[in-house]
Amino acid sequence: CRQLYGKVLEHSVTRLERFASCAFAHFLQYGLKLAGRQINEFEAVDFGNILHDALEEYAKRMQAAGDDWFHVTPEHMRQYAKEAIESAIAACTNAALVDGERNIYLVRRMEKILCRTVEVLEYQIQSGSFVPENYEVAFQYVNQLDAVRFTLSEEEKMHLRGRIDRMDIWEREQEVYVKVIDYKSGSTSFQLLSIYHGLQLQLVVYLNAAMELMRRKYPKKEIRPAGIFYYHIDDPMIDDDGEELLEDEIKEQIFAKLKLYGYVNSDPQVYRAMDSGMQSSSKILPITVNKDGSLRKTSKAVTEEQFGVLSDYVNQKIAELGQRMMRGEIAVNPYELDGRTPCGYCPYHSVCGFDLRIDGFDYRRLPKFDQASEIIEQMGKKDEEMNEGWKEELTGEEG
């Protein structure tokens, strides 16, 4: 494996998630570097990448003009969005984008989605006390962040790189609360269970890196976790069930469909600092409040202590996955979890020939826990086990 990967693994969190999904797919992609034939046509990935780049460009143009999320006018918002889409398309390396009537329609569609996105993001930001600290925050080994440097053995290291789409903070006298948001154009869901199995590590890694960056910027203040979220870039349709809805009612339903999904700090001061006007159900966060003021069990919220468990567990999980990579694990072992597998969209299916009808092929069926508290409890236990195993791996001693 050292001949393939060297002694120092330098890669993104996505690679770790690929390995956790199926070691053989990881080997083909990152070891043998197999890739499909490049076809010069506009694909879904281009759609998402352009919208992602356009959001970054929108923020730059708004700031350059002296505007911000709290004061930008609707006219300026539409102007920045149009310019941002044009800039992102011009920077796109896929020349097929501007060819044909279909793609002209897609350009208009992207502009419409971007306008909807910045409108919703503006609403979400204006509804609370958190303000964007930075956009497209790149981190890698050169930043010397402890959060992205891992020791796998005496000779082997792993350094992660990535880019946080948006980092918001709420600064108080003695504290700074940090939340990270990752923009997604696909239908990505977020589950604690996926974190437990190493399938979704990105947001926790981003939060760890963001908090370390804020500790450097605010050395005299306590840095605390506020939330980890995905935002789905979309312009959803509303089903009016035959009723004629007012424009404000339509907008309210659209905003509700585009609320953040992930996990928020369960401290009322924190989540109300993100949605100061919430009553029973938040239109911004995945939480609902009972009449007695407590959070409903279905709410996606964890305590600050539980955020700490998540952070420690993910760090140990990353080290474990890195060690397994360096040991040369390349088995055809796709997972199955609650009916989901990575095989449906895997580009290497024709290479591995995975087929349940053939003896020797079977999914790696991952255990499922229903309650968030149970998952985090299991993380705490597993973290202790992995920590002991990690010490043995480094020292060669037991216990």
Protein backbone atom coordinates (compact mmCIF):
# COMPACT_ATOMS: atom_id res chain seq x y z
CA CYS A 1 0.00 0.00 0.00
CA ARG A 2 2.88 2.39 0.60
CA GLN A 3 3.80 1.99 -3.08
CA LEU A 4 0.26 3.10 -3.98
CA TYR A 5 -0.42 5.71 -1.32
CA GLY A 6 2.97 6.57 0.20
CA LYS A 7 3.55 7.04 3.91
CA VAL A 8 1.37 10.13 4.13
CA LEU A 9 -2.24 10.04 2.99
CA GLU A 10 -3.37 13.47 1.83
CA HIS A 11 -6.98 13.54 0.68
CA SER A 12 -10.52 14.71 1.30
CA VAL A 13 -13.10 13.36 3.72
CA THR A 14 -15.01 12.02 0.71
CA ARG A 15 -12.30 9.43 0.20
CA LEU A 16 -12.73 8.12 3.73
CA GLU A 17 -16.48 7.88 3.20
CA ARG A 18 -15.90 5.95 -0.04
CA PHE A 19 -13.66 3.48 1.81
CA ALA A 20 -16.30 3.03 4.53
CA SER A 21 -18.89 2.33 1.82
CA CYS A 22 -16.83 -0.29 -0.04
CA ALA A 23 -13.08 -0.94 0.23
CA PHE A 24 -12.89 -2.29 -3.33
CA ALA A 25 -14.51 0.77 -4.89
CA HIS A 26 -12.01 2.90 -2.95
CA PHE A 27 -9.11 0.80 -4.25
CA LEU A 28 -10.26 1.13 -7.86
CA GLN A 29 -10.78 4.88 -7.60
CA TYR A 30 -7.82 5.96 -5.48
CA GLY A 31 -5.41 3.05 -5.84
CA LEU A 32 -5.71 2.06 -9.51
CA LYS A 33 -7.24 5.45 -10.41
CA LEU A 34 -9.83 3.96 -12.75
CA ALA A 35 -12.09 6.55 -14.33
CA GLY A 36 -14.81 6.46 -16.93
CA ARG A 37 -14.43 7.94 -20.40
CA GLN A 38 -14.96 11.68 -20.43
CA ILE A 39 -18.04 12.70 -22.40
CA ASN A 40 -18.49 16.31 -23.42
CA GLU A 41 -22.07 16.82 -22.31
CA PHE A 42 -23.83 18.68 -19.54
CA GLU A 43 -24.51 16.40 -16.56
CA ALA A 44 -26.10 16.72 -13.14
CA VAL A 45 -22.70 17.21 -11.53
CA ASP A 46 -22.10 20.27 -13.74
CA PHE A 47 -25.43 21.69 -12.63
CA GLY A 48 -24.48 21.34 -8.98
CA ASN A 49 -20.92 22.61 -9.39
CA ILE A 50 -22.01 25.75 -11.22
CA LEU A 51 -24.65 26.58 -8.61
CA HIS A 52 -22.10 25.96 -5.87
CA ASP A 53 -19.55 28.27 -7.53
CA ALA A 54 -22.25 30.86 -8.22
CA LEU A 55 -23.14 31.03 -4.52
CA GLU A 56 -19.52 31.78 -3.68
CA GLU A 57 -19.39 34.41 -6.44
CA TYR A 58 -22.66 35.96 -5.21
CA ALA A 59 -21.21 36.49 -1.72
CA LYS A 60 -18.04 38.02 -3.20
CA ARG A 61 -19.97 40.44 -5.39
CA MET A 62 -22.26 41.45 -2.56
CA GLN A 63 -19.32 42.16 -0.26
CA ALA A 64 -17.37 44.00 -2.97
CA ALA A 65 -20.36 46.30 -3.47
CA GLY A 66 -20.49 47.06 0.26
CA ASP A 67 -23.72 45.10 0.75
CA ASP A 68 -24.49 42.39 3.28
CA TRP A 69 -27.21 39.81 3.96
CA PHE A 70 -29.06 42.20 6.26
CA HIS A 71 -29.34 45.19 3.93
CA VAL A 72 -29.17 43.99 0.30
CA THR A 73 -32.18 45.13 -1.74
CA PRO A 74 -34.22 42.71 -3.91
CA GLU A 75 -33.02 44.52 -7.03
CA HIS A 76 -29.35 44.22 -6.06
CA MET A 77 -29.92 40.60 -5.02
CA ARG A 78 -31.20 39.70 -8.50
CA GLN A 79 -28.37 41.64 -10.13
CA TYR A 80 -25.66 39.88 -8.10
CA ALA A 81 -27.31 36.50 -8.77
CA LYS A 82 -27.41 37.05 -12.54
CA GLU A 83 -23.79 38.19 -12.61
CA ALA A 84 -22.74 35.28 -10.37
CA ILE A 85 -24.34 32.67 -12.65
CA GLU A 86 -22.74 34.23 -15.73
CA SER A 87 -19.34 34.24 -14.02
CA ALA A 88 -19.69 30.60 -12.87
CA ILE A 89 -20.73 29.46 -16.36
CA ALA A 90 -17.83 31.32 -17.97
CA ALA A 91 -15.43 29.54 -15.60
CA CYS A 92 -16.96 26.11 -16.36
CA THR A 93 -14.61 23.92 -18.40
CA ASN A 94 -17.50 22.01 -20.02
CA ALA A 95 -18.10 23.79 -23.33
CA ALA A 96 -21.25 21.73 -23.91
CA LEU A 97 -23.02 23.89 -21.35
CA VAL A 98 -23.80 26.70 -23.78
CA ASP A 99 -24.75 24.48 -26.72
CA GLY A 100 -28.34 23.75 -27.65
CA GLU A 101 -31.79 24.88 -26.57
CA ARG A 102 -31.92 22.43 -23.68
CA ASN A 103 -28.84 23.90 -22.07
CA ILE A 104 -30.10 27.45 -22.59
CA TYR A 105 -33.12 26.38 -20.55
CA LEU A 106 -30.84 24.91 -17.89
CA VAL A 107 -28.95 28.20 -17.59
CA ARG A 108 -32.22 30.03 -16.97
CA ARG A 109 -33.22 27.32 -14.51
CA MET A 110 -29.96 27.74 -12.59
CA GLU A 111 -30.43 31.48 -12.40
CA LYS A 112 -33.95 30.97 -10.99
CA ILE A 113 -32.70 28.45 -8.42
CA LEU A 114 -29.85 30.76 -7.38
CA CYS A 115 -32.29 33.66 -6.86
CA ARG A 116 -34.49 31.41 -4.73
CA THR A 117 -31.47 30.16 -2.78
CA VAL A 118 -30.11 33.58 -1.88
CA GLU A 119 -33.63 34.71 -0.97
CA VAL A 120 -33.99 31.80 1.47
CA LEU A 121 -30.47 32.19 2.86
CA GLU A 122 -31.12 35.88 3.41
CA TYR A 123 -34.30 35.04 5.33
CA GLN A 124 -32.50 32.44 7.44
CA ILE A 125 -29.63 34.79 8.32
CA GLN A 126 -31.90 37.75 9.08
CA SER A 127 -33.99 35.58 11.42
CA GLY A 128 -31.25 35.29 14.02
CA SER A 129 -28.07 36.65 15.57
CA PHE A 130 -25.59 34.43 13.72
CA VAL A 131 -23.65 36.15 10.94
CA PRO A 132 -21.51 34.63 8.18
CA GLU A 133 -17.89 34.72 9.30
CA ASN A 134 -16.47 33.40 6.06
CA TYR A 135 -17.26 31.52 2.85
CA GLU A 136 -15.42 28.71 1.08
CA VAL A 137 -13.00 28.26 3.97
CA ALA A 138 -10.29 25.97 2.66
CA PHE A 139 -8.29 23.89 5.11
CA GLN A 140 -5.45 21.51 4.52
CA TYR A 141 -2.19 20.39 6.07
CA VAL A 142 -0.48 23.71 5.43
CA ASN A 143 -2.92 25.33 7.88
CA GLN A 144 -1.30 23.20 10.60
CA LEU A 145 -4.72 22.40 12.03
CA ASP A 146 -4.72 19.58 14.56
CA ALA A 147 -8.29 18.79 13.52
CA VAL A 148 -7.14 17.50 10.12
CA ARG A 149 -3.83 15.79 11.03
CA PHE A 150 -3.82 12.16 12.14
CA THR A 151 -1.09 9.73 13.17
CA LEU A 152 -1.75 6.21 11.88
CA SER A 153 1.51 4.58 13.02
CA GLU A 154 5.06 5.59 13.85
CA GLU A 155 5.75 6.20 10.15
CA GLU A 156 2.32 6.74 8.60
CA LYS A 157 0.30 9.95 8.73
CA MET A 158 -2.94 11.23 7.26
CA HIS A 159 -3.75 14.85 6.43
CA LEU A 160 -7.23 15.90 5.36
CA ARG A 161 -8.15 18.79 3.12
CA GLY A 162 -11.51 20.33 2.40
CA ARG A 163 -13.56 23.48 1.98
CA ILE A 164 -16.29 24.71 4.31
CA ASP A 165 -19.01 26.36 2.22
CA ARG A 166 -20.10 28.72 4.96
CA MET A 167 -19.16 29.31 8.57
CA ASP A 168 -21.44 31.42 10.79
CA ILE A 169 -20.71 32.69 14.28
CA TRP A 170 -22.58 34.24 17.19
CA GLU A 171 -20.16 36.29 19.24
CA ARG A 172 -20.91 37.05 22.87
CA GLU A 173 -18.83 38.61 25.67
CA GLN A 174 -17.05 35.42 26.69
CA GLU A 175 -18.16 32.95 24.00
CA VAL A 176 -18.25 32.40 20.27
CA TYR A 177 -20.72 29.85 18.90
CA VAL A 178 -19.87 28.26 15.55
CA LYS A 179 -22.07 26.57 12.97
CA VAL A 180 -21.05 25.18 9.57
CA ILE A 181 -23.25 24.86 6.50
CA ASP A 182 -22.53 22.75 3.44
CA TYR A 183 -24.49 23.43 0.25
CA LYS A 184 -25.85 20.35 -1.52
CA SER A 185 -27.55 20.24 -4.92
CA GLY A 186 -28.49 16.57 -4.63
CA SER A 187 -30.88 14.78 -2.30
CA THR A 188 -28.31 14.04 0.41
CA SER A 189 -29.82 13.15 3.77
CA PHE A 190 -28.06 13.43 7.12
CA GLN A 191 -28.14 10.79 9.84
CA LEU A 192 -26.22 10.22 13.05
CA LEU A 193 -26.24 6.53 12.16
CA SER A 194 -24.28 7.30 8.98
CA ILE A 195 -21.69 9.14 11.08
CA TYR A 196 -21.44 6.11 13.37
CA HIS A 197 -20.63 3.85 10.43
CA GLY A 198 -18.18 6.32 8.83
CA LEU A 199 -20.44 7.06 5.85
CA GLN A 200 -20.94 10.76 6.64
CA LEU A 201 -17.95 12.33 8.35
CA GLN A 202 -17.74 15.60 6.45
CA LEU A 203 -19.81 17.98 8.60
CA VAL A 204 -18.21 16.93 11.89
CA VAL A 205 -14.70 17.33 10.40
CA TYR A 206 -15.70 20.76 9.11
CA LEU A 207 -17.01 21.79 12.52
CA ASN A 208 -13.80 20.60 14.22
CA ALA A 209 -11.71 22.61 11.74
CA ALA A 210 -13.95 25.69 12.03
CA MET A 211 -13.79 25.66 15.83
CA GLU A 212 -10.00 25.38 15.77
CA LEU A 213 -9.80 28.32 13.36
CA MET A 214 -12.03 30.37 15.67
CA ARG A 215 -9.89 29.47 18.71
CA ARG A 216 -6.98 31.04 16.89
CA LYS A 217 -8.98 34.16 16.03
CA TYR A 218 -10.59 34.51 19.48
CA PRO A 219 -7.94 33.10 21.88
CA LYS A 220 -9.53 34.72 24.95
CA LYS A 221 -13.03 33.39 24.33
CA GLU A 222 -14.68 30.00 24.75
CA ILE A 223 -15.47 28.46 21.36
CA ARG A 224 -18.65 26.37 21.37
CA PRO A 225 -20.46 24.23 18.76
CA ALA A 226 -23.79 25.57 17.50
CA GLY A 227 -24.73 23.25 14.66
CA ILE A 228 -23.82 21.22 11.58
CA PHE A 229 -26.11 21.58 8.57
CA TYR A 230 -26.70 20.82 4.93
CA TYR A 231 -28.67 23.27 2.82
CA HIS A 232 -30.41 21.77 -0.22
CA ILE A 233 -30.04 24.09 -3.22
CA ASP A 234 -33.42 23.90 -4.93
CA ASP A 235 -36.57 25.75 -5.96
CA PRO A 236 -39.28 23.29 -4.87
CA MET A 237 -42.81 23.11 -6.21
CA ILE A 238 -45.73 23.59 -3.81
CA ASP A 239 -48.83 21.41 -3.88
CA ASP A 240 -51.78 23.69 -3.24
CA ASP A 241 -54.34 20.82 -3.13
CA GLY A 242 -56.64 22.83 -5.37
CA GLU A 243 -56.62 25.87 -3.10
CA GLU A 244 -55.57 29.27 -4.32
CA LEU A 245 -52.68 30.36 -2.11
CA LEU A 246 -51.47 33.90 -1.56
CA GLU A 247 -47.90 34.75 -2.59
CA ASP A 248 -46.80 35.01 1.06
CA GLU A 249 -48.32 31.59 1.83
CA ILE A 250 -46.49 30.03 -1.11
CA LYS A 251 -43.22 31.61 -0.03
CA GLU A 252 -43.72 30.40 3.55
CA GLN A 253 -44.20 26.82 2.37
CA ILE A 254 -41.16 27.01 0.09
CA PHE A 255 -39.00 28.34 2.93
CA ALA A 256 -40.21 25.51 5.17
CA LYS A 257 -39.21 22.95 2.53
CA LEU A 258 -35.75 24.53 2.34
CA LYS A 259 -34.99 24.60 6.06
CA LEU A 260 -31.55 23.48 7.16
CA TYR A 261 -31.12 19.79 7.93
CA GLY A 262 -28.52 18.44 10.29
CA TYR A 263 -28.12 18.86 14.07
CA VAL A 264 -28.32 21.95 16.27
CA ASN A 265 -27.16 22.66 19.81
CA SER A 266 -30.12 21.88 22.10
CA ASP A 267 -29.48 24.93 24.29
CA PRO A 268 -32.57 27.21 23.80
CA GLN A 269 -30.37 30.31 23.75
CA VAL A 270 -28.42 28.88 20.83
CA TYR A 271 -31.23 27.65 18.60
CA ARG A 272 -33.28 30.80 19.26
CA ALA A 273 -30.23 32.82 18.23
CA MET A 274 -30.66 31.13 14.83
CA ASP A 275 -34.45 31.55 14.72
CA SER A 276 -35.48 34.31 17.10
CA GLY A 277 -39.10 34.34 15.93
CA MET A 278 -39.85 30.62 16.14
CA GLN A 279 -43.01 29.56 17.94
CA SER A 280 -43.67 25.82 18.06
CA SER A 281 -41.99 24.63 14.87
CA SER A 282 -38.95 26.30 13.35
CA LYS A 283 -39.06 27.29 9.69
CA ILE A 284 -35.27 27.33 9.61
CA LEU A 285 -34.07 24.48 11.84
CA PRO A 286 -35.13 20.80 12.07
CA ILE A 287 -36.66 21.24 15.54
CA THR A 288 -40.09 21.54 17.15
CA VAL A 289 -40.84 22.86 20.65
CA ASN A 290 -43.47 21.36 22.96
CA LYS A 291 -45.93 23.49 24.91
CA ASP A 292 -43.79 23.16 28.04
CA GLY A 293 -40.79 24.60 26.17
CA SER A 294 -38.91 21.32 25.77
CA LEU A 295 -37.80 20.02 22.39
CA ARG A 296 -39.90 17.31 20.78
CA LYS A 297 -38.18 13.93 20.55
CA THR A 298 -38.16 14.10 16.75
CA SER A 299 -36.09 17.30 16.85
CA LYS A 300 -32.57 17.05 15.44
CA ALA A 301 -30.75 18.49 18.43
CA VAL A 302 -27.88 17.36 20.66
CA THR A 303 -26.23 18.82 23.73
CA GLU A 304 -22.82 20.46 23.71
CA GLU A 305 -21.47 17.42 25.52
CA GLN A 306 -22.88 15.17 22.80
CA PHE A 307 -21.22 17.34 20.16
CA GLY A 308 -17.99 16.55 22.00
CA VAL A 309 -18.74 12.82 21.76
CA LEU A 310 -19.40 13.22 18.02
CA SER A 311 -16.11 15.06 17.56
CA ASP A 312 -14.00 12.52 19.47
CA TYR A 313 -15.72 9.58 17.80
CA VAL A 314 -15.22 10.92 14.27
CA ASN A 315 -11.53 11.58 14.96
CA GLN A 316 -11.05 8.00 16.11
CA LYS A 317 -13.13 6.68 13.20
CA ILE A 318 -10.99 8.58 10.72
CA ALA A 319 -7.80 7.14 12.26
CA GLU A 320 -9.30 3.65 12.13
CA LEU A 321 -10.29 3.97 8.46
CA GLY A 322 -6.83 5.34 7.60
CA GLN A 323 -5.12 2.43 9.31
CA ARG A 324 -7.29 -0.06 7.42
CA MET A 325 -6.44 1.64 4.12
CA MET A 326 -2.73 1.34 4.88
CA ARG A 327 -3.15 -2.32 5.83
CA GLY A 328 -4.32 -2.95 2.27
CA GLU A 329 -8.02 -3.73 2.71
CA ILE A 330 -9.56 -4.00 -0.76
CA ALA A 331 -12.38 -6.53 -0.31
CA VAL A 332 -15.61 -6.25 -2.27
CA ASN A 333 -17.70 -5.37 0.80
CA PRO A 334 -20.47 -2.87 0.04
CA TYR A 335 -22.66 -1.98 3.01
CA GLU A 336 -26.39 -2.33 3.46
CA LEU A 337 -28.12 -0.06 5.97
CA ASP A 338 -31.85 0.28 6.30
CA GLY A 339 -32.34 -0.80 2.68
CA ARG A 340 -29.66 1.53 1.30
CA THR A 341 -26.48 0.37 -0.47
CA PRO A 342 -23.71 2.18 -2.41
CA CYS A 343 -24.06 -0.09 -5.44
CA GLY A 344 -26.93 1.64 -7.25
CA TYR A 345 -24.79 4.48 -8.60
CA CYS A 346 -21.34 2.90 -8.32
CA PRO A 347 -19.36 3.31 -11.57
CA TYR A 348 -17.31 0.18 -10.81
CA HIS A 349 -20.14 -2.37 -10.71
CA SER A 350 -19.07 -3.93 -14.00
CA VAL A 351 -15.55 -4.42 -12.59
CA CYS A 352 -16.39 -6.12 -9.30
CA GLY A 353 -19.35 -8.12 -10.68
CA PHE A 354 -21.13 -7.98 -7.33
CA ASP A 355 -24.24 -10.15 -7.54
CA LEU A 356 -26.20 -11.57 -4.60
CA ARG A 357 -27.11 -14.60 -6.73
CA ILE A 358 -23.46 -15.67 -6.79
CA ASP A 359 -22.01 -17.54 -3.82
CA GLY A 360 -19.53 -15.46 -1.84
CA PHE A 361 -21.21 -12.15 -2.52
CA ASP A 362 -23.19 -10.48 0.24
CA TYR A 363 -23.69 -7.05 1.71
CA ARG A 364 -21.96 -5.96 4.89
CA ARG A 365 -25.12 -5.41 6.90
CA LEU A 366 -24.61 -2.56 9.35
CA PRO A 367 -26.42 -2.50 12.69
CA LYS A 368 -29.18 0.05 13.14
CA PHE A 369 -30.09 2.07 16.24
CA ASP A 370 -33.34 4.00 16.27
CA GLN A 371 -32.81 6.72 18.88
CA ALA A 372 -30.24 9.50 18.57
CA SER A 373 -29.35 9.11 22.25
CA GLU A 374 -28.66 5.40 21.71
CA ILE A 375 -26.43 6.13 18.71
CA ILE A 376 -24.40 8.70 20.64
CA GLU A 377 -24.14 6.30 23.60
CA GLN A 378 -22.77 3.65 21.23
CA MET A 379 -20.34 6.23 19.85
CA GLY A 380 -19.03 6.88 23.35
CA LYS A 381 -18.48 3.18 23.97
CA LYS A 382 -16.97 2.58 20.54
CA ASP A 383 -14.70 5.60 20.93
CA GLU A 384 -13.17 4.06 24.05
CA GLU A 385 -12.64 0.74 22.24
CA MET A 386 -11.09 2.41 19.19
CA ASN A 387 -8.89 4.57 21.38
CA GLU A 388 -7.48 1.51 23.12
CA GLY A 389 -6.95 -0.24 19.78
CA TRP A 390 -5.28 2.88 18.38
CA LYS A 391 -2.85 3.00 21.33
CA GLU A 392 -1.97 -0.66 20.79
CA GLU A 393 -1.41 0.00 17.09
CA LEU A 394 1.05 2.81 17.86
CA THR A 395 2.88 1.27 20.81
CA GLY A 396 2.57 -2.44 20.09
CA GLU A 397 1.44 -2.90 23.69
CA GLU A 398 -1.88 -4.16 25.00
CA GLY A 399 -4.24 -2.05 27.09
